[in-house]
């Protein structure tokens, strides 16, 4: 587990915002590794929050929120635009650098990934988020490349273990970026079960954005305005029946326990990780098969 990063000095932020960011950081359990230290990265680290489900989790990263800027979504390397390809290559470079310099120590190196492992790349203006999926685990990465400024970003990765083919419900968030701590413009990536045929982001104000699904992976860039703190991902089956709703910003999302068909607990609440025996498999929901 990574050590919790210290927030920036409160003088760098408005007092009320500094306190809220500090609380968010101290509540986090894992944190992506920031790239290229500087004031922008310090603020980035301060608002990173990871929601853990089992060992893996969904990561929230802030980004610039370019609003009406250009948007793009690619579900494979073949669909990348030139600017997206540059962001993907940056993530791969960071992964190689970290693996080369992180051979020892308490923080494990990120998974080894290649361009062929790219499952989703979402871009809004100068901000990009990528998700790489392998047989071993996932690598999620964000890149912020504002003209005239140093490229910054963050990344996180985790191994599937015995959860590779199973999800905590119909949808599992793996990469999640927003322009505000709990709202604004949003980019989301993750995995979906075999039952999910349609996935929609409900902004919380009546507006929606539909995610693109391919081979059990999904991605979206919010449209039609900023989302609210109560935004949800709503999944549907082939007949249009609702399968479930997953809060986008609630830290308690994916916090239930889930078992495989043999009754083995694959995902459990964070508070139960130190006391596995406190989880009764009979009280857990069935995990759903990944739709890859």
Protein backbone atom coordinates (compact mmCIF):
# COMPACT_ATOMS: atom_id res chain seq x y z
CA UNK A 1 0.00 0.00 0.00
CA UNK A 2 1.35 3.43 -0.88
CA UNK A 3 1.91 5.95 1.86
CA UNK A 4 -0.69 8.71 1.93
CA UNK A 5 0.67 11.75 0.14
CA UNK A 6 0.74 14.95 2.12
CA UNK A 7 -1.56 17.68 0.76
CA UNK A 8 -0.09 21.02 -0.31
CA UNK A 9 0.21 23.75 2.26
CA UNK A 10 -3.14 25.34 2.99
CA UNK A 11 -1.82 28.71 1.85
CA UNK A 12 -1.86 27.32 -1.72
CA UNK A 13 -5.62 26.75 -1.63
CA UNK A 14 -8.71 28.52 -0.29
CA UNK A 15 -9.11 27.49 3.40
CA UNK A 16 -12.40 25.59 3.00
CA UNK A 17 -11.19 23.77 -0.10
CA UNK A 18 -7.84 22.92 1.52
CA UNK A 19 -9.59 21.27 4.47
CA UNK A 20 -11.88 19.24 2.22
CA UNK A 21 -8.99 18.09 0.04
CA UNK A 22 -6.94 17.18 3.09
CA UNK A 23 -9.78 15.02 4.43
CA UNK A 24 -10.12 13.30 1.07
CA UNK A 25 -6.43 12.46 0.89
CA UNK A 26 -6.23 11.12 4.43
CA UNK A 27 -9.25 8.90 3.75
CA UNK A 28 -7.67 7.41 0.64
CA UNK A 29 -6.26 3.90 0.80
CA UNK A 30 -4.11 3.88 -2.32
CA UNK A 31 -2.88 6.67 -4.48
CA UNK A 32 -1.67 6.78 -8.06
CA UNK A 33 1.94 7.76 -8.46
CA UNK A 34 2.22 11.45 -9.47
CA UNK A 35 4.50 12.39 -12.32
CA UNK A 36 6.82 15.42 -12.63
CA UNK A 37 6.73 17.24 -9.31
CA UNK A 38 5.54 20.81 -9.26
CA UNK A 39 2.74 22.92 -7.92
CA UNK A 40 0.21 21.48 -10.37
CA UNK A 41 1.15 17.95 -9.32
CA UNK A 42 0.97 18.86 -5.63
CA UNK A 43 -2.61 19.97 -6.09
CA UNK A 44 -3.24 16.85 -8.17
CA UNK A 45 -1.99 14.60 -5.39
CA UNK A 46 -4.17 16.43 -2.89
CA UNK A 47 -7.41 15.56 -4.64
CA UNK A 48 -6.63 11.99 -5.65
CA UNK A 49 -9.04 9.55 -4.03
CA UNK A 50 -9.16 5.78 -4.55
CA UNK A 51 -12.18 3.63 -3.78
CA UNK A 52 -11.10 0.06 -3.09
CA UNK A 53 -13.17 -3.02 -3.90
CA UNK A 54 -11.27 -6.06 -2.74
CA UNK A 55 -7.72 -5.23 -3.85
CA UNK A 56 -8.57 -3.29 -7.00
CA UNK A 57 -10.51 -0.05 -7.01
CA UNK A 58 -11.71 2.97 -8.88
CA UNK A 59 -9.44 5.99 -9.04
CA UNK A 60 -10.58 9.60 -9.20
CA UNK A 61 -8.17 12.10 -10.70
CA UNK A 62 -8.79 15.83 -11.25
CA UNK A 63 -8.28 17.30 -14.68
CA UNK A 64 -8.55 20.71 -16.25
CA UNK A 65 -12.16 20.53 -17.33
CA UNK A 66 -11.92 22.11 -20.75
CA UNK A 67 -15.69 22.04 -21.10
CA UNK A 68 -16.47 22.80 -24.73
CA UNK A 69 -13.06 21.61 -25.94
CA UNK A 70 -12.61 18.71 -28.32
CA UNK A 71 -13.59 15.27 -27.04
CA UNK A 72 -12.55 11.83 -28.23
CA UNK A 73 -13.06 8.23 -27.15
CA UNK A 74 -11.09 5.26 -28.48
CA UNK A 75 -11.69 1.61 -27.58
CA UNK A 76 -8.47 0.25 -29.06
CA UNK A 77 -5.08 1.41 -30.35
CA UNK A 78 -6.46 1.42 -33.90
CA UNK A 79 -8.98 4.16 -33.01
CA UNK A 80 -6.54 6.61 -31.43
CA UNK A 81 -6.30 10.15 -32.70
CA UNK A 82 -2.79 11.64 -33.00
CA UNK A 83 -3.16 13.56 -29.72
CA UNK A 84 -4.50 10.47 -27.92
CA UNK A 85 -1.61 8.39 -29.23
CA UNK A 86 0.82 10.91 -27.74
CA UNK A 87 -0.90 10.64 -24.35
CA UNK A 88 -0.86 6.84 -24.50
CA UNK A 89 2.84 6.81 -25.34
CA UNK A 90 3.46 9.12 -22.38
CA UNK A 91 1.72 6.64 -20.06
CA UNK A 92 3.74 3.76 -21.47
CA UNK A 93 6.96 5.74 -20.96
CA UNK A 94 6.04 6.42 -17.34
CA UNK A 95 5.25 2.74 -16.80
CA UNK A 96 8.64 1.70 -18.17
CA UNK A 97 10.44 4.33 -16.09
CA UNK A 98 8.71 3.27 -12.90
CA UNK A 99 9.41 -0.40 -13.52
CA UNK A 100 13.09 0.39 -14.09
CA UNK A 101 13.46 2.43 -10.90
CA UNK A 102 10.98 0.66 -8.63
CA UNK A 103 12.56 -2.78 -8.40
CA UNK A 104 12.84 -2.65 -4.60
CA UNK A 105 10.92 -0.97 -1.82
CA UNK A 106 7.42 -1.07 -0.33
CA UNK A 107 5.69 0.26 -3.45
CA UNK A 108 5.32 -2.40 -6.16
CA UNK A 109 6.10 -1.33 -9.74
CA UNK A 110 3.21 -0.86 -12.16
CA UNK A 111 2.15 -3.70 -14.42
CA UNK A 112 4.02 -4.15 -17.66
CA UNK A 113 1.71 -3.00 -20.45
CA UNK A 114 1.99 -2.33 -24.17
CA UNK A 115 -0.01 -0.46 -26.76
CA UNK A 116 -1.85 -3.70 -27.56
CA UNK A 117 -3.22 -3.76 -23.99
CA UNK A 118 -5.10 -0.48 -24.45
CA UNK A 119 -8.82 -0.99 -23.78
CA UNK A 120 -10.09 2.59 -23.46
CA UNK A 121 -8.68 6.07 -24.08
CA UNK A 122 -10.85 9.10 -23.30
CA UNK A 123 -9.79 12.66 -24.03
CA UNK A 124 -11.29 16.07 -23.40
CA UNK A 125 -9.29 19.02 -24.59
CA UNK A 126 -5.76 18.64 -23.22
CA UNK A 127 -6.71 16.00 -20.61
CA UNK A 128 -6.65 12.25 -21.22
CA UNK A 129 -7.36 9.09 -19.23
CA UNK A 130 -6.36 5.59 -20.37
CA UNK A 131 -7.11 2.06 -19.22
CA UNK A 132 -4.90 -0.89 -20.10
CA UNK A 133 -6.12 -4.44 -19.42
CA UNK A 134 -3.91 -7.54 -19.29
CA UNK A 135 -4.32 -11.14 -18.12
CA UNK A 136 -2.51 -10.14 -14.93
CA UNK A 137 -4.28 -6.90 -14.03
CA UNK A 138 -4.95 -3.30 -15.09
CA UNK A 139 -3.00 -0.07 -15.45
CA UNK A 140 -4.89 3.24 -15.39
CA UNK A 141 -3.23 6.53 -16.27
CA UNK A 142 -4.10 10.20 -16.71
CA UNK A 143 -2.13 12.80 -18.69
CA UNK A 144 -2.54 16.59 -18.52
CA UNK A 145 -0.75 18.34 -21.38
CA UNK A 146 -1.55 22.04 -21.43
CA UNK A 147 0.30 24.03 -24.11
CA UNK A 148 3.39 25.76 -22.77
CA UNK A 149 3.34 23.79 -19.50
CA UNK A 150 5.10 20.68 -18.29
CA UNK A 151 3.17 17.45 -18.87
CA UNK A 152 1.77 16.09 -15.60
CA UNK A 153 -0.35 13.11 -14.65
CA UNK A 154 -0.84 10.13 -12.36
CA UNK A 155 -1.27 6.39 -12.61
CA UNK A 156 -2.24 3.30 -10.63
CA UNK A 157 -2.31 -0.43 -11.28
CA UNK A 158 -3.39 -3.64 -9.61
CA UNK A 159 -3.40 -7.37 -10.24
CA UNK A 160 -6.62 -9.34 -10.64
CA UNK A 161 -5.58 -12.33 -8.56
CA UNK A 162 -8.53 -14.72 -8.56
CA UNK A 163 -10.91 -11.90 -9.54
CA UNK A 164 -9.88 -11.62 -13.19
CA UNK A 165 -13.14 -13.02 -14.57
CA UNK A 166 -15.45 -11.61 -11.89
CA UNK A 167 -16.84 -8.19 -11.02
CA UNK A 168 -18.47 -6.70 -7.90
CA UNK A 169 -21.85 -6.36 -9.61
CA UNK A 170 -22.62 -5.48 -13.22
CA UNK A 171 -20.12 -2.57 -13.39
CA UNK A 172 -16.64 -2.01 -11.97
CA UNK A 173 -14.99 1.42 -12.08
CA UNK A 174 -11.24 1.38 -12.69
CA UNK A 175 -10.41 4.88 -13.99
CA UNK A 176 -12.40 7.96 -13.06
CA UNK A 177 -11.34 11.58 -13.61
CA UNK A 178 -13.21 14.80 -12.86
CA UNK A 179 -12.53 18.52 -13.07
CA UNK A 180 -13.89 19.06 -9.55
CA UNK A 181 -13.54 17.06 -6.34
CA UNK A 182 -17.10 15.71 -6.62
CA UNK A 183 -18.48 16.86 -9.97
CA UNK A 184 -17.76 18.89 -13.06
CA UNK A 185 -16.59 17.32 -16.31
CA UNK A 186 -16.04 13.57 -16.00
CA UNK A 187 -14.10 10.84 -17.83
CA UNK A 188 -14.83 7.26 -16.75
CA UNK A 189 -13.39 3.85 -17.71
CA UNK A 190 -13.93 0.35 -16.33
CA UNK A 191 -15.27 -3.15 -16.86
CA UNK A 192 -18.81 -4.45 -17.40
CA UNK A 193 -20.40 -7.88 -16.93
CA UNK A 194 -21.78 -10.07 -19.69
CA UNK A 195 -25.32 -8.88 -18.86
CA UNK A 196 -24.61 -5.21 -19.51
CA UNK A 197 -25.60 -4.10 -22.99
CA UNK A 198 -26.06 -0.39 -22.29
CA UNK A 199 -24.43 1.91 -19.74
CA UNK A 200 -25.51 5.49 -19.10
CA UNK A 201 -24.07 8.22 -16.90
CA UNK A 202 -26.94 10.05 -15.18
CA UNK A 203 -25.57 13.51 -14.49
CA UNK A 204 -27.90 14.13 -11.55
CA UNK A 205 -29.83 16.95 -13.25
CA UNK A 206 -31.80 14.98 -15.84
CA UNK A 207 -29.05 14.98 -18.47
CA UNK A 208 -27.20 11.85 -19.52
CA UNK A 209 -24.12 10.59 -21.38
CA UNK A 210 -24.01 7.08 -22.85
CA UNK A 211 -20.83 5.05 -22.40
CA UNK A 212 -19.31 3.06 -25.22
CA UNK A 213 -18.95 -0.67 -24.52
CA UNK A 214 -16.57 -3.08 -26.23
CA UNK A 215 -15.24 -6.48 -25.15
CA UNK A 216 -16.29 -5.96 -21.55
CA UNK A 217 -14.61 -2.55 -21.24
CA UNK A 218 -16.30 0.84 -21.25
CA UNK A 219 -15.42 4.50 -21.45
CA UNK A 220 -17.14 7.87 -21.63
CA UNK A 221 -16.48 11.59 -21.65
CA UNK A 222 -19.36 13.53 -20.11
CA UNK A 223 -21.32 15.76 -22.46
CA UNK A 224 -24.26 18.19 -22.19
CA UNK A 225 -22.81 19.97 -19.19
CA UNK A 226 -21.06 19.18 -15.90
CA UNK A 227 -22.20 16.30 -13.71
CA UNK A 228 -23.22 16.63 -10.06
CA UNK A 229 -22.02 14.89 -6.92
CA UNK A 230 -24.97 12.47 -7.03
CA UNK A 231 -24.20 11.26 -10.58
CA UNK A 232 -24.67 7.53 -11.21
CA UNK A 233 -23.76 4.91 -13.78
CA UNK A 234 -26.94 3.03 -14.69
CA UNK A 235 -26.60 -0.33 -16.46
CA UNK A 236 -29.21 -2.11 -18.63
CA UNK A 237 -29.55 -5.56 -20.17
CA UNK A 238 -30.42 -6.35 -23.80
CA UNK A 239 -34.16 -5.96 -23.09
CA UNK A 240 -33.71 -2.51 -21.54
CA UNK A 241 -34.19 -3.71 -17.95
CA UNK A 242 -32.17 -1.82 -15.37
CA UNK A 243 -29.45 -3.95 -13.77
CA UNK A 244 -28.06 -1.53 -11.23
CA UNK A 245 -26.92 1.96 -10.31
CA UNK A 246 -23.36 2.75 -9.26
CA UNK A 247 -22.60 6.14 -7.65
CA UNK A 248 -19.74 7.91 -9.42
CA UNK A 249 -18.44 9.92 -6.45
CA UNK A 250 -19.71 8.05 -3.39
CA UNK A 251 -16.70 6.59 -1.51
CA UNK A 252 -18.91 3.71 -0.38
CA UNK A 253 -19.53 2.40 -3.89
CA UNK A 254 -18.58 -1.22 -4.58
CA UNK A 255 -18.21 -1.68 -0.81
CA UNK A 256 -20.36 -4.79 -0.50
CA UNK A 257 -19.15 -8.38 -0.51
CA UNK A 258 -19.36 -10.64 -3.57
CA UNK A 259 -18.76 -14.37 -3.97
CA UNK A 260 -18.01 -16.61 -6.95
CA UNK A 261 -20.22 -19.63 -7.80
CA UNK A 262 -18.18 -21.77 -5.40
CA UNK A 263 -18.95 -19.40 -2.52
CA UNK A 264 -15.46 -17.88 -2.28
CA UNK A 265 -15.42 -14.22 -1.24
CA UNK A 266 -13.79 -12.24 -4.07
CA UNK A 267 -14.68 -8.70 -3.01
CA UNK A 268 -15.32 -7.46 0.48
CA UNK A 269 -15.80 -4.16 2.33
CA UNK A 270 -12.58 -2.35 3.14
CA UNK A 271 -13.28 -2.45 6.86
CA UNK A 272 -13.39 -6.27 6.68
CA UNK A 273 -9.98 -6.70 5.00
CA UNK A 274 -8.24 -6.83 8.38
CA UNK A 275 -10.82 -9.30 9.67
CA UNK A 276 -11.74 -11.60 6.77
CA UNK A 277 -13.59 -13.96 9.09
CA UNK A 278 -16.11 -11.20 9.80
CA UNK A 279 -17.55 -11.61 6.30
CA UNK A 280 -20.25 -14.26 6.01
CA UNK A 281 -20.24 -15.61 2.41
CA UNK A 282 -23.91 -16.46 2.75
CA UNK A 283 -24.71 -12.76 3.12
CA UNK A 284 -22.74 -11.73 0.02
CA UNK A 285 -24.15 -11.04 -3.44
CA UNK A 286 -23.06 -13.18 -6.38
CA UNK A 287 -20.16 -11.73 -8.37
CA UNK A 288 -20.89 -11.19 -12.06
CA UNK A 289 -18.82 -12.62 -14.86
CA UNK A 290 -16.71 -10.14 -16.81
CA UNK A 291 -18.00 -9.72 -20.35
CA UNK A 292 -14.66 -9.78 -22.18
